[in-house]
PDB file of N, CA and C in Angstrom:
ATOM      1  N   MET A   1       1.239  -6.522  -7.563  1.00  0.00           N
ATOM      2  CA  MET A   1       0.806  -5.770  -6.320  1.00  0.00           C
ATOM      3  C   MET A   1       1.825  -6.172  -5.219  1.00  0.00           C
ATOM      4  N   LEU A   2       2.131  -5.154  -4.360  1.00  0.00           N
ATOM      5  CA  LEU A   2       3.026  -5.188  -3.268  1.00  0.00           C
ATOM      6  C   LEU A   2       2.348  -4.813  -1.789  1.00  0.00           C
ATOM      7  N   VAL A   3       2.789  -5.599  -0.958  1.00  0.00           N
ATOM      8  CA  VAL A   3       2.264  -5.109   0.437  1.00  0.00           C
ATOM      9  C   VAL A   3       3.608  -4.918   1.225  1.00  0.00           C
ATOM     10  N   VAL A   4       3.734  -3.747   1.989  1.00  0.00           N
ATOM     11  CA  VAL A   4       4.878  -3.060   2.597  1.00  0.00           C
ATOM     12  C   VAL A   4       4.422  -2.986   3.905  1.00  0.00           C
ATOM     13  N   ASP A   5       4.962  -3.492   4.897  1.00  0.00           N
ATOM     14  CA  ASP A   5       4.563  -3.505   6.209  1.00  0.00           C
ATOM     15  C   ASP A   5       5.729  -4.149   7.190  1.00  0.00           C
ATOM     16  N   ASP A   6       6.099  -3.275   8.166  1.00  0.00           N
ATOM     17  CA  ASP A   6       7.409  -3.757   8.997  1.00  0.00           C
ATOM     18  C   ASP A   6       6.844  -4.887   9.965  1.00  0.00           C
ATOM     19  N   ALA A   7       5.766  -5.253  10.128  1.00  0.00           N
ATOM     20  CA  ALA A   7       5.136  -6.084  10.773  1.00  0.00           C
ATOM     21  C   ALA A   7       4.962  -7.683   9.689  1.00  0.00           C
ATOM     22  N   PRO A   8       5.774  -8.527   9.583  1.00  0.00           N
ATOM     23  CA  PRO A   8       5.777  -9.331   8.708  1.00  0.00           C
ATOM     24  C   PRO A   8       4.458 -10.192   8.919  1.00  0.00           C
ATOM     25  N   SER A   9       3.725 -10.519  10.062  1.00  0.00           N
ATOM     26  CA  SER A   9       2.520 -11.114  10.237  1.00  0.00           C
ATOM     27  C   SER A   9       1.670 -10.218   9.459  1.00  0.00           C
ATOM     28  N   VAL A  10       1.654  -9.039   9.573  1.00  0.00           N
ATOM     29  CA  VAL A  10       0.609  -8.138   9.014  1.00  0.00           C
ATOM     30  C   VAL A  10       0.848  -8.152   7.546  1.00  0.00           C
ATOM     31  N   ALA A  11       1.939  -7.982   7.192  1.00  0.00           N
ATOM     32  CA  ALA A  11       2.312  -7.986   5.517  1.00  0.00           C
ATOM     33  C   ALA A  11       1.661  -9.477   4.662  1.00  0.00           C
ATOM     34  N   VAL A  12       2.257 -10.545   5.559  1.00  0.00           N
ATOM     35  CA  VAL A  12       1.594 -11.929   5.111  1.00  0.00           C
ATOM     36  C   VAL A  12      -0.047 -12.034   5.232  1.00  0.00           C
ATOM     37  N   SER A  13      -0.494 -11.679   6.322  1.00  0.00           N
ATOM     38  CA  SER A  13      -2.063 -11.892   6.324  1.00  0.00           C
ATOM     39  C   SER A  13      -2.557 -11.097   5.196  1.00  0.00           C
ATOM     40  N   THR A  14      -2.310  -9.762   5.122  1.00  0.00           N
ATOM     41  CA  THR A  14      -2.578  -8.878   4.175  1.00  0.00           C
ATOM     42  C   THR A  14      -2.535  -9.536   2.474  1.00  0.00           C
ATOM     43  N   ALA A  15      -1.387 -10.169   2.434  1.00  0.00           N
ATOM     44  CA  ALA A  15      -1.092 -10.736   1.129  1.00  0.00           C
ATOM     45  C   ALA A  15      -2.111 -11.943   0.671  1.00  0.00           C
ATOM     46  N   GLU A  16      -2.212 -12.635   1.845  1.00  0.00           N
ATOM     47  CA  GLU A  16      -3.067 -13.853   1.861  1.00  0.00           C
ATOM     48  C   GLU A  16      -4.475 -13.429   1.638  1.00  0.00           C
ATOM     49  N   ILE A  17      -5.127 -12.435   1.952  1.00  0.00           N
ATOM     50  CA  ILE A  17      -6.300 -11.930   1.669  1.00  0.00           C
ATOM     51  C   ILE A  17      -6.362 -11.797   0.129  1.00  0.00           C
ATOM     52  N   LEU A  18      -5.353 -11.104  -0.227  1.00  0.00           N
ATOM     53  CA  LEU A  18      -5.179 -10.550  -1.734  1.00  0.00           C
ATOM     54  C   LEU A  18      -5.248 -11.818  -2.833  1.00  0.00           C
ATOM     55  N   VAL A  19      -4.244 -12.681  -2.391  1.00  0.00           N
ATOM     56  CA  VAL A  19      -4.016 -13.882  -2.958  1.00  0.00           C
ATOM     57  C   VAL A  19      -5.216 -14.530  -3.133  1.00  0.00           C
ATOM     58  N   GLY A  20      -5.955 -14.960  -2.156  1.00  0.00           N
ATOM     59  CA  GLY A  20      -7.398 -15.402  -2.089  1.00  0.00           C
ATOM     60  C   GLY A  20      -8.437 -14.848  -2.936  1.00  0.00           C
ATOM     61  N   ALA A  21      -8.247 -13.473  -3.247  1.00  0.00           N
ATOM     62  CA  ALA A  21      -9.132 -12.911  -4.362  1.00  0.00           C
ATOM     63  C   ALA A  21      -8.413 -12.885  -5.654  1.00  0.00           C
ATOM     64  N   GLY A  22      -7.342 -13.762  -5.883  1.00  0.00           N
ATOM     65  CA  GLY A  22      -6.833 -14.124  -7.354  1.00  0.00           C
ATOM     66  C   GLY A  22      -5.733 -13.040  -7.721  1.00  0.00           C
ATOM     67  N   LEU A  23      -5.272 -12.188  -6.670  1.00  0.00           N
ATOM     68  CA  LEU A  23      -3.973 -11.373  -7.080  1.00  0.00           C
ATOM     69  C   LEU A  23      -2.747 -12.109  -6.752  1.00  0.00           C
ATOM     70  N   ASP A  24      -1.855 -11.252  -7.794  1.00  0.00           N
ATOM     71  CA  ASP A  24      -0.203 -11.843  -7.724  1.00  0.00           C
ATOM     72  C   ASP A  24       0.329 -10.820  -6.581  1.00  0.00           C
ATOM     73  N   VAL A  25       0.675 -11.060  -5.348  1.00  0.00           N
ATOM     74  CA  VAL A  25       1.098 -10.097  -4.482  1.00  0.00           C
ATOM     75  C   VAL A  25       2.524 -10.537  -3.862  1.00  0.00           C
ATOM     76  N   ALA A  26       3.350  -9.635  -3.797  1.00  0.00           N
ATOM     77  CA  ALA A  26       4.696  -9.551  -3.277  1.00  0.00           C
ATOM     78  C   ALA A  26       4.416  -8.960  -1.808  1.00  0.00           C
ATOM     79  N   VAL A  27       5.630  -9.352  -0.941  1.00  0.00           N
ATOM     80  CA  VAL A  27       5.566  -8.745   0.379  1.00  0.00           C
ATOM     81  C   VAL A  27       6.975  -8.224   0.601  1.00  0.00           C
ATOM     82  N   ALA A  28       7.028  -7.130   1.340  1.00  0.00           N
ATOM     83  CA  ALA A  28       8.314  -6.410   1.814  1.00  0.00           C
ATOM     84  C   ALA A  28       8.223  -5.852   3.127  1.00  0.00           C
ATOM     85  N   SER A  29       9.234  -6.106   4.014  1.00  0.00           N
ATOM     86  CA  SER A  29       9.194  -5.162   5.350  1.00  0.00           C
ATOM     87  C   SER A  29       9.898  -3.938   5.356  1.00  0.00           C
ATOM     88  N   THR A  30      10.491  -3.829   4.529  1.00  0.00           N
ATOM     89  CA  THR A  30      11.245  -2.610   4.492  1.00  0.00           C
ATOM     90  C   THR A  30      11.239  -1.643   3.194  1.00  0.00           C
ATOM     91  N   VAL A  31      11.464  -0.495   3.188  1.00  0.00           N
ATOM     92  CA  VAL A  31      11.476   0.292   2.018  1.00  0.00           C
ATOM     93  C   VAL A  31      12.606  -0.175   0.901  1.00  0.00           C
ATOM     94  N   GLU A  32      13.872  -0.602   1.282  1.00  0.00           N
ATOM     95  CA  GLU A  32      14.702  -1.255   0.702  1.00  0.00           C
ATOM     96  C   GLU A  32      14.158  -2.120  -0.103  1.00  0.00           C
ATOM     97  N   GLN A  33      13.614  -3.155   0.624  1.00  0.00           N
ATOM     98  CA  GLN A  33      13.004  -4.404   0.069  1.00  0.00           C
ATOM     99  C   GLN A  33      11.875  -4.150  -0.922  1.00  0.00           C
ATOM    100  N   ALA A  34      11.253  -3.182  -0.678  1.00  0.00           N
ATOM    101  CA  ALA A  34      10.100  -2.793  -1.281  1.00  0.00           C
ATOM    102  C   ALA A  34      10.761  -2.190  -2.839  1.00  0.00           C
ATOM    103  N   ALA A  35      11.701  -1.395  -2.649  1.00  0.00           N
ATOM    104  CA  ALA A  35      12.224  -0.882  -3.973  1.00  0.00           C
ATOM    105  C   ALA A  35      12.929  -1.743  -4.663  1.00  0.00           C
ATOM    106  N   ARG A  36      13.303  -2.961  -4.339  1.00  0.00           N
ATOM    107  CA  ARG A  36      13.787  -3.971  -5.185  1.00  0.00           C
ATOM    108  C   ARG A  36      12.606  -4.560  -5.787  1.00  0.00           C
ATOM    109  N   VAL A  37      11.792  -5.119  -5.140  1.00  0.00           N
ATOM    110  CA  VAL A  37      10.574  -5.476  -5.658  1.00  0.00           C
ATOM    111  C   VAL A  37       9.653  -4.759  -6.717  1.00  0.00           C
ATOM    112  N   MET A  38       9.579  -3.524  -6.338  1.00  0.00           N
ATOM    113  CA  MET A  38       8.956  -2.745  -7.281  1.00  0.00           C
ATOM    114  C   MET A  38       9.751  -2.540  -8.825  1.00  0.00           C
ATOM    115  N   VAL A  39      10.958  -2.779  -8.937  1.00  0.00           N
ATOM    116  CA  VAL A  39      12.057  -2.693  -9.869  1.00  0.00           C
ATOM    117  C   VAL A  39      11.914  -3.902 -10.404  1.00  0.00           C
ATOM    118  N   ASP A  40      12.078  -5.106  -9.699  1.00  0.00           N
ATOM    119  CA  ASP A  40      11.959  -6.383 -10.160  1.00  0.00           C
ATOM    120  C   ASP A  40      10.625  -6.958 -10.972  1.00  0.00           C
ATOM    121  N   ARG A  41       9.579  -6.631 -10.180  1.00  0.00           N
ATOM    122  CA  ARG A  41       8.230  -7.041 -10.595  1.00  0.00           C
ATOM    123  C   ARG A  41       7.313  -5.955 -11.400  1.00  0.00           C
ATOM    124  N   GLY A  42       7.822  -4.651 -11.637  1.00  0.00           N
ATOM    125  CA  GLY A  42       7.058  -3.735 -12.315  1.00  0.00           C
ATOM    126  C   GLY A  42       5.656  -3.467 -11.610  1.00  0.00           C
ATOM    127  N   THR A  43       5.838  -3.235 -10.506  1.00  0.00           N
ATOM    128  CA  THR A  43       4.666  -3.056  -9.398  1.00  0.00           C
ATOM    129  C   THR A  43       3.738  -1.843  -9.912  1.00  0.00           C
ATOM    130  N   ARG A  44       2.415  -2.178 -10.035  1.00  0.00           N
ATOM    131  CA  ARG A  44       1.550  -1.022 -10.147  1.00  0.00           C
ATOM    132  C   ARG A  44       0.686  -0.605  -9.140  1.00  0.00           C
ATOM    133  N   CYS A  45       0.733  -1.596  -8.198  1.00  0.00           N
ATOM    134  CA  CYS A  45      -0.081  -0.914  -7.040  1.00  0.00           C
ATOM    135  C   CYS A  45       0.560  -1.520  -5.676  1.00  0.00           C
ATOM    136  N   VAL A  46       0.531  -0.467  -4.687  1.00  0.00           N
ATOM    137  CA  VAL A  46       1.462  -0.633  -3.440  1.00  0.00           C
ATOM    138  C   VAL A  46       0.652  -0.501  -2.410  1.00  0.00           C
ATOM    139  N   ILE A  47       0.567  -1.227  -1.378  1.00  0.00           N
ATOM    140  CA  ILE A  47      -0.119  -0.943  -0.070  1.00  0.00           C
ATOM    141  C   ILE A  47       1.036  -0.537   0.814  1.00  0.00           C
ATOM    142  N   LEU A  48       1.015   0.413   1.503  1.00  0.00           N
ATOM    143  CA  LEU A  48       2.176   1.046   2.377  1.00  0.00           C
ATOM    144  C   LEU A  48       1.253   0.972   3.957  1.00  0.00           C
ATOM    145  N   ASP A  49       2.300   0.527   4.793  1.00  0.00           N
ATOM    146  CA  ASP A  49       2.044   0.770   6.227  1.00  0.00           C
ATOM    147  C   ASP A  49       2.237   2.161   6.436  1.00  0.00           C
ATOM    148  N   GLY A  50       1.366   2.776   7.278  1.00  0.00           N
ATOM    149  CA  GLY A  50       1.453   4.095   7.812  1.00  0.00           C
ATOM    150  C   GLY A  50       2.509   4.353   8.436  1.00  0.00           C
ATOM    151  N   SER A  51       3.424   3.732   9.219  1.00  0.00           N
ATOM    152  CA  SER A  51       4.522   3.609  10.154  1.00  0.00           C
ATOM    153  C   SER A  51       5.707   3.985   9.395  1.00  0.00           C
ATOM    154  N   ILE A  52       5.631   3.061   8.149  1.00  0.00           N
ATOM    155  CA  ILE A  52       6.777   3.103   7.364  1.00  0.00           C
ATOM    156  C   ILE A  52       6.995   4.408   6.519  1.00  0.00           C
ATOM    157  N   VAL A  53       5.689   4.953   6.151  1.00  0.00           N
ATOM    158  CA  VAL A  53       5.697   6.484   5.678  1.00  0.00           C
ATOM    159  C   VAL A  53       6.329   7.291   6.465  1.00  0.00           C
ATOM    160  N   ASP A  54       5.703   7.162   7.725  1.00  0.00           N
ATOM    161  CA  ASP A  54       6.180   8.345   8.662  1.00  0.00           C
ATOM    162  C   ASP A  54       7.711   8.189   8.742  1.00  0.00           C
ATOM    163  N   GLY A  55       8.333   7.093   8.839  1.00  0.00           N
ATOM    164  CA  GLY A  55       9.658   7.103   9.214  1.00  0.00           C
ATOM    165  C   GLY A  55      10.768   7.339   8.108  1.00  0.00           C
ATOM    166  N   ASN A  56      10.329   7.286   6.857  1.00  0.00           N
ATOM    167  CA  ASN A  56      11.049   7.257   5.381  1.00  0.00           C
ATOM    168  C   ASN A  56      10.395   8.162   4.814  1.00  0.00           C
ATOM    169  N   GLU A  57       9.907   9.127   4.933  1.00  0.00           N
ATOM    170  CA  GLU A  57       9.035  10.059   3.959  1.00  0.00           C
ATOM    171  C   GLU A  57       9.590  10.176   2.575  1.00  0.00           C
ATOM    172  N   GLY A  58      10.909  10.715   2.580  1.00  0.00           N
ATOM    173  CA  GLY A  58      11.678  11.066   1.364  1.00  0.00           C
ATOM    174  C   GLY A  58      11.908   9.879   0.222  1.00  0.00           C
ATOM    175  N   TYR A  59      12.471   8.899   1.184  1.00  0.00           N
ATOM    176  CA  TYR A  59      12.772   7.567   0.322  1.00  0.00           C
ATOM    177  C   TYR A  59      11.518   6.730  -0.355  1.00  0.00           C
ATOM    178  N   VAL A  60      10.487   6.671   0.647  1.00  0.00           N
ATOM    179  CA  VAL A  60       9.050   6.173   0.206  1.00  0.00           C
ATOM    180  C   VAL A  60       8.664   6.990  -0.883  1.00  0.00           C
ATOM    181  N   SER A  61       8.655   8.252  -0.728  1.00  0.00           N
ATOM    182  CA  SER A  61       8.095   9.185  -2.040  1.00  0.00           C
ATOM    183  C   SER A  61       8.912   8.836  -3.146  1.00  0.00           C
ATOM    184  N   ASP A  62      10.028   8.733  -3.058  1.00  0.00           N
ATOM    185  CA  ASP A  62      10.858   8.716  -4.543  1.00  0.00           C
ATOM    186  C   ASP A  62      10.535   7.252  -4.889  1.00  0.00           C
ATOM    187  N   GLN A  63      10.379   6.185  -4.020  1.00  0.00           N
ATOM    188  CA  GLN A  63      10.063   5.066  -4.638  1.00  0.00           C
ATOM    189  C   GLN A  63       8.661   4.701  -5.118  1.00  0.00           C
ATOM    190  N   CYS A  64       7.848   5.276  -4.388  1.00  0.00           N
ATOM    191  CA  CYS A  64       6.283   4.840  -4.696  1.00  0.00           C
ATOM    192  C   CYS A  64       5.623   5.669  -5.376  1.00  0.00           C
ATOM    193  N   TRP A  65       5.781   7.266  -5.025  1.00  0.00           N
ATOM    194  CA  TRP A  65       4.509   8.139  -5.519  1.00  0.00           C
ATOM    195  C   TRP A  65       4.552   7.985  -7.140  1.00  0.00           C
ATOM    196  N   GLY A  66       5.377   7.470  -7.730  1.00  0.00           N
ATOM    197  CA  GLY A  66       5.344   7.272  -9.337  1.00  0.00           C
ATOM    198  C   GLY A  66       4.563   6.407  -9.670  1.00  0.00           C
ATOM    199  N   HIS A  67       4.045   5.387  -8.936  1.00  0.00           N
ATOM    200  CA  HIS A  67       3.074   4.367  -9.069  1.00  0.00           C
ATOM    201  C   HIS A  67       1.717   4.862  -9.124  1.00  0.00           C
ATOM    202  N   PRO A  68       0.940   4.378 -10.015  1.00  0.00           N
ATOM    203  CA  PRO A  68      -0.427   4.924 -10.122  1.00  0.00           C
ATOM    204  C   PRO A  68      -1.197   4.714  -8.835  1.00  0.00           C
ATOM    205  N   ALA A  69      -1.028   3.640  -8.198  1.00  0.00           N
ATOM    206  CA  ALA A  69      -2.049   3.302  -7.023  1.00  0.00           C
ATOM    207  C   ALA A  69      -1.201   3.042  -5.683  1.00  0.00           C
ATOM    208  N   VAL A  70      -1.348   3.896  -4.900  1.00  0.00           N
ATOM    209  CA  VAL A  70      -0.693   3.728  -3.417  1.00  0.00           C
ATOM    210  C   VAL A  70      -1.695   3.605  -2.623  1.00  0.00           C
ATOM    211  N   ILE A  71      -1.935   2.548  -1.838  1.00  0.00           N
ATOM    212  CA  ILE A  71      -2.803   2.595  -0.844  1.00  0.00           C
ATOM    213  C   ILE A  71      -2.237   2.856   0.377  1.00  0.00           C
ATOM    214  N   LEU A  72      -2.512   3.597   1.626  1.00  0.00           N
ATOM    215  CA  LEU A  72      -1.782   3.620   2.752  1.00  0.00           C
ATOM    216  C   LEU A  72      -2.861   3.036   3.780  1.00  0.00           C
ATOM    217  N   MET A  73      -2.326   1.904   4.662  1.00  0.00           N
ATOM    218  CA  MET A  73      -3.003   1.467   5.650  1.00  0.00           C
ATOM    219  C   MET A  73      -2.141   1.808   6.874  1.00  0.00           C
ATOM    220  N   SER A  74      -2.868   2.330   7.867  1.00  0.00           N
ATOM    221  CA  SER A  74      -2.503   2.624   9.138  1.00  0.00           C
ATOM    222  C   SER A  74      -3.134   2.221  10.399  1.00  0.00           C
ATOM    223  N   GLY A  75      -2.481   1.946  11.389  1.00  0.00           N
ATOM    224  CA  GLY A  75      -2.969   1.595  12.705  1.00  0.00           C
ATOM    225  C   GLY A  75      -2.573   2.472  13.593  1.00  0.00           C
ATOM    226  N   LEU A  76      -2.094   3.545  13.189  1.00  0.00           N
ATOM    227  CA  LEU A  76      -1.817   4.900  14.227  1.00  0.00           C
ATOM    228  C   LEU A  76      -2.960   5.482  14.651  1.00  0.00           C
ATOM    229  N   GLY A  77      -4.182   5.334  14.182  1.00  0.00           N
ATOM    230  CA  GLY A  77      -5.409   5.902  14.785  1.00  0.00           C
ATOM    231  C   GLY A  77      -5.720   7.261  13.825  1.00  0.00           C
ATOM    232  N   PHE A  78      -7.055   7.640  14.241  1.00  0.00           N
ATOM    233  CA  PHE A  78      -7.746   8.465  13.139  1.00  0.00           C
ATOM    234  C   PHE A  78      -6.953   9.725  12.970  1.00  0.00           C
ATOM    235  N   HIS A  79      -6.319  10.251  13.963  1.00  0.00           N
ATOM    236  CA  HIS A  79      -5.718  11.645  13.799  1.00  0.00           C
ATOM    237  C   HIS A  79      -4.286  11.521  12.763  1.00  0.00           C
ATOM    238  N   GLU A  80      -3.765  10.481  13.202  1.00  0.00           N
ATOM    239  CA  GLU A  80      -2.548  10.248  12.376  1.00  0.00           C
ATOM    240  C   GLU A  80      -2.780   9.725  11.030  1.00  0.00           C
ATOM    241  N   LEU A  81      -3.962   9.286  10.547  1.00  0.00           N
ATOM    242  CA  LEU A  81      -4.306   8.949   9.292  1.00  0.00           C
ATOM    243  C   LEU A  81      -4.773  10.300   8.627  1.00  0.00           C
ATOM    244  N   GLU A  82      -5.440  11.207   9.287  1.00  0.00           N
ATOM    245  CA  GLU A  82      -5.879  12.566   8.806  1.00  0.00           C
ATOM    246  C   GLU A  82      -4.681  13.368   8.616  1.00  0.00           C
ATOM    247  N   ALA A  83      -3.586  13.305   9.326  1.00  0.00           N
ATOM    248  CA  ALA A  83      -2.287  13.929   9.380  1.00  0.00           C
ATOM    249  C   ALA A  83      -1.765  13.555   7.855  1.00  0.00           C
ATOM    250  N   GLN A  84      -1.807  12.364   7.858  1.00  0.00           N
ATOM    251  CA  GLN A  84      -1.162  11.809   6.492  1.00  0.00           C
ATOM    252  C   GLN A  84      -1.931  12.489   5.272  1.00  0.00           C
ATOM    253  N   ARG A  85      -3.328  12.290   5.301  1.00  0.00           N
ATOM    254  CA  ARG A  85      -4.252  12.513   4.209  1.00  0.00           C
ATOM    255  C   ARG A  85      -3.796  14.216   3.899  1.00  0.00           C
ATOM    256  N   ARG A  86      -3.701  14.876   4.928  1.00  0.00           N
ATOM    257  CA  ARG A  86      -3.118  16.332   4.764  1.00  0.00           C
ATOM    258  C   ARG A  86      -1.764  16.438   3.926  1.00  0.00           C
ATOM    259  N   THR A  87      -0.782  15.587   4.579  1.00  0.00           N
ATOM    260  CA  THR A  87       0.463  15.686   4.066  1.00  0.00           C
ATOM    261  C   THR A  87       0.458  15.112   2.333  1.00  0.00           C
ATOM    262  N   TYR A  88      -0.067  14.063   2.439  1.00  0.00           N
ATOM    263  CA  TYR A  88       0.004  13.162   0.835  1.00  0.00           C
ATOM    264  C   TYR A  88      -1.317  13.518  -0.073  1.00  0.00           C
ATOM    265  N   GLY A  89      -2.411  13.898   0.460  1.00  0.00           N
ATOM    266  CA  GLY A  89      -3.254  14.166  -0.404  1.00  0.00           C
ATOM    267  C   GLY A  89      -3.598  13.270  -1.491  1.00  0.00           C
ATOM    268  N   ASP A  90      -3.767  13.621  -2.765  1.00  0.00           N
ATOM    269  CA  ASP A  90      -4.238  12.894  -3.756  1.00  0.00           C
ATOM    270  C   ASP A  90      -3.212  12.041  -4.138  1.00  0.00           C
ATOM    271  N   GLN A  91      -1.636  12.026  -3.771  1.00  0.00           N
ATOM    272  CA  GLN A  91      -0.945  11.058  -4.011  1.00  0.00           C
ATOM    273  C   GLN A  91      -1.079   9.835  -3.711  1.00  0.00           C
ATOM    274  N   ILE A  92      -1.925   9.768  -2.668  1.00  0.00           N
ATOM    275  CA  ILE A  92      -2.425   8.146  -2.217  1.00  0.00           C
ATOM    276  C   ILE A  92      -3.987   8.126  -2.875  1.00  0.00           C
ATOM    277  N   TYR A  93      -4.110   6.846  -3.492  1.00  0.00           N
ATOM    278  CA  TYR A  93      -5.267   6.436  -4.016  1.00  0.00           C
ATOM    279  C   TYR A  93      -6.395   6.300  -2.836  1.00  0.00           C
ATOM    280  N   ALA A  94      -5.885   5.546  -1.804  1.00  0.00           N
ATOM    281  CA  ALA A  94      -7.022   5.171  -0.503  1.00  0.00           C
ATOM    282  C   ALA A  94      -6.187   5.433   0.747  1.00  0.00           C
ATOM    283  N   TYR A  95      -7.231   5.726   1.577  1.00  0.00           N
ATOM    284  CA  TYR A  95      -6.359   5.812   3.040  1.00  0.00           C
ATOM    285  C   TYR A  95      -7.381   4.544   3.893  1.00  0.00           C
ATOM    286  N   LEU A  96      -6.699   3.529   4.552  1.00  0.00           N
ATOM    287  CA  LEU A  96      -7.329   2.564   5.420  1.00  0.00           C
ATOM    288  C   LEU A  96      -6.869   2.484   6.670  1.00  0.00           C
ATOM    289  N   ALA A  97      -7.845   2.362   7.653  1.00  0.00           N
ATOM    290  CA  ALA A  97      -7.507   2.340   8.807  1.00  0.00           C
ATOM    291  C   ALA A  97      -7.282   0.772   9.302  1.00  0.00           C
ATOM    292  N   LYS A  98      -6.217   0.576  10.184  1.00  0.00           N
ATOM    293  CA  LYS A  98      -6.306  -1.015  10.528  1.00  0.00           C
ATOM    294  C   LYS A  98      -6.995  -0.951  11.656  1.00  0.00           C
ATOM    295  N   PRO A  99      -7.594  -2.253  11.953  1.00  0.00           N
ATOM    296  CA  PRO A  99      -7.608  -3.217  11.080  1.00  0.00           C
ATOM    297  C   PRO A  99      -8.680  -3.097  10.011  1.00  0.00           C
ATOM    298  N   VAL A 100      -8.355  -3.527   8.851  1.00  0.00           N
ATOM    299  CA  VAL A 100      -9.329  -3.457   7.571  1.00  0.00           C
ATOM    300  C   VAL A 100     -10.060  -4.787   7.298  1.00  0.00           C
ATOM    301  N   ALA A 101     -11.290  -4.657   7.258  1.00  0.00           N
ATOM    302  CA  ALA A 101     -12.014  -5.886   6.784  1.00  0.00           C
ATOM    303  C   ALA A 101     -11.442  -6.198   5.637  1.00  0.00           C
ATOM    304  N   PRO A 102     -11.512  -7.823   5.459  1.00  0.00           N
ATOM    305  CA  PRO A 102     -10.577  -8.233   4.177  1.00  0.00           C
ATOM    306  C   PRO A 102     -11.892  -7.768   3.027  1.00  0.00           C
ATOM    307  N   ARG A 103     -12.800  -7.893   2.929  1.00  0.00           N
ATOM    308  CA  ARG A 103     -13.995  -7.476   2.011  1.00  0.00           C
ATOM    309  C   ARG A 103     -13.511  -6.081   1.498  1.00  0.00           C
ATOM    310  N   LYS A 104     -13.397  -5.166   2.435  1.00  0.00           N
ATOM    311  CA  LYS A 104     -13.173  -3.409   2.274  1.00  0.00           C
ATOM    312  C   LYS A 104     -11.863  -3.723   1.681  1.00  0.00           C
ATOM    313  N   LEU A 105     -10.846  -4.377   2.171  1.00  0.00           N
ATOM    314  CA  LEU A 105      -9.325  -4.300   1.419  1.00  0.00           C
ATOM    315  C   LEU A 105      -9.436  -4.812  -0.047  1.00  0.00           C
ATOM    316  N   ILE A 106     -10.063  -5.853  -0.245  1.00  0.00           N
ATOM    317  CA  ILE A 106     -10.250  -6.443  -1.672  1.00  0.00           C
ATOM    318  C   ILE A 106     -11.216  -5.462  -2.714  1.00  0.00           C
ATOM    319  N   GLU A 107     -11.920  -4.650  -2.198  1.00  0.00           N
ATOM    320  CA  GLU A 107     -12.785  -3.911  -2.883  1.00  0.00           C
ATOM    321  C   GLU A 107     -11.883  -2.546  -3.265  1.00  0.00           C
ATOM    322  N   VAL A 108     -11.368  -1.999  -2.517  1.00  0.00           N
ATOM    323  CA  VAL A 108     -10.313  -0.931  -2.535  1.00  0.00           C
ATOM    324  C   VAL A 108      -9.437  -1.368  -3.511  1.00  0.00           C
ATOM    325  N   VAL A 109      -8.573  -2.438  -3.436  1.00  0.00           N
ATOM    326  CA  VAL A 109      -7.371  -2.950  -4.193  1.00  0.00           C
ATOM    327  C   VAL A 109      -8.162  -3.090  -5.503  1.00  0.00           C
ATOM    328  N   GLU A 110      -9.270  -3.785  -5.788  1.00  0.00           N
ATOM    329  CA  GLU A 110      -9.828  -3.965  -6.953  1.00  0.00           C
ATOM    330  C   GLU A 110     -10.372  -2.562  -7.843  1.00  0.00           C
ATOM    331  N   ALA A 111     -11.006  -1.850  -6.948  1.00  0.00           N
ATOM    332  CA  ALA A 111     -11.042  -0.423  -7.555  1.00  0.00           C
ATOM    333  C   ALA A 111      -9.848   0.369  -8.363  1.00  0.00           C
ATOM    334  N   ALA A 112      -8.866   0.266  -7.223  1.00  0.00           N
ATOM    335  CA  ALA A 112      -7.417   0.850  -7.817  1.00  0.00           C
ATOM    336  C   ALA A 112      -7.170   0.018  -8.905  1.00  0.00           C
ATOM    337  N   LEU A 113      -7.007  -1.180  -8.950  1.00  0.00           N
ATOM    338  CA  LEU A 113      -6.663  -1.717 -10.228  1.00  0.00           C
ATOM    339  C   LEU A 113      -7.576  -1.460 -11.443  1.00  0.00           C
ATOM    340  N   ALA A 114      -8.841  -1.514 -11.228  1.00  0.00           N
ATOM    341  CA  ALA A 114      -9.563  -1.118 -12.293  1.00  0.00           C
ATOM    342  C   ALA A 114      -9.317   0.212 -12.906  1.00  0.00           C
ATOM    343  N   GLN A 115      -9.079   1.135 -11.697  1.00  0.00           N
ATOM    344  CA  GLN A 115      -8.846   2.418 -12.432  1.00  0.00           C
ATOM    345  C   GLN A 115      -7.701   2.524 -13.421  1.00  0.00           C
ATOM    346  N   LEU A 116      -6.484   1.871 -12.727  1.00  0.00           N
ATOM    347  CA  LEU A 116      -5.146   1.892 -13.465  1.00  0.00           C
ATOM    348  C   LEU A 116      -5.389   1.089 -15.027  1.00  0.00           C
ATOM    349  N   HIS A 117      -6.207   0.297 -15.159  1.00  0.00           N
ATOM    350  CA  HIS A 117      -6.657  -0.637 -16.245  1.00  0.00           C
ATOM    351  C   HIS A 117      -7.337   0.542 -17.031  1.00  0.00           C
ATOM    352  N   ARG A 118      -8.386   1.545 -16.802  1.00  0.00           N
ATOM    353  CA  ARG A 118      -9.141   2.519 -17.490  1.00  0.00           C
ATOM    354  C   ARG A 118      -8.087   3.389 -18.163  1.00  0.00           C
ATOM    355  N   VAL A 119      -6.937   3.814 -17.271  1.00  0.00           N
ATOM    356  CA  VAL A 119      -6.028   4.724 -17.444  1.00  0.00           C
ATOM    357  C   VAL A 119      -5.034   4.463 -18.346  1.00  0.00           C
ATOM    358  N   THR A 120      -4.572   3.105 -18.250  1.00  0.00           N
ATOM    359  CA  THR A 120      -3.372   2.448 -19.406  1.00  0.00           C
ATOM    360  C   THR A 120      -4.028   1.896 -20.836  1.00  0.00           C
TER     361      THR A 120
END
């Protein structure tokens, strides 16, 4: 699992929630770092910050959309989240508005991983 957020404190706190749920989590703050981690670790689930997606659509899509589970978290507000939903559709496993309750985050990630397990 990989958490990509350009705000290091958000990335780390998100990762800590997931580690507390027993998951193995890496953190990246740029798409370049994320690409290296995905190759090095064989990442199967990626949580992306919405602002990173907005600024790097082509690069992020090349690196992440091939992964079975991409979860987009955005603090940009409802309208921006809906715009991203219209743009990316079912390429994204789930769309979550920040702040995300820890229990909700864990539920969505566990569901994504369970779906991956059923597919593979």
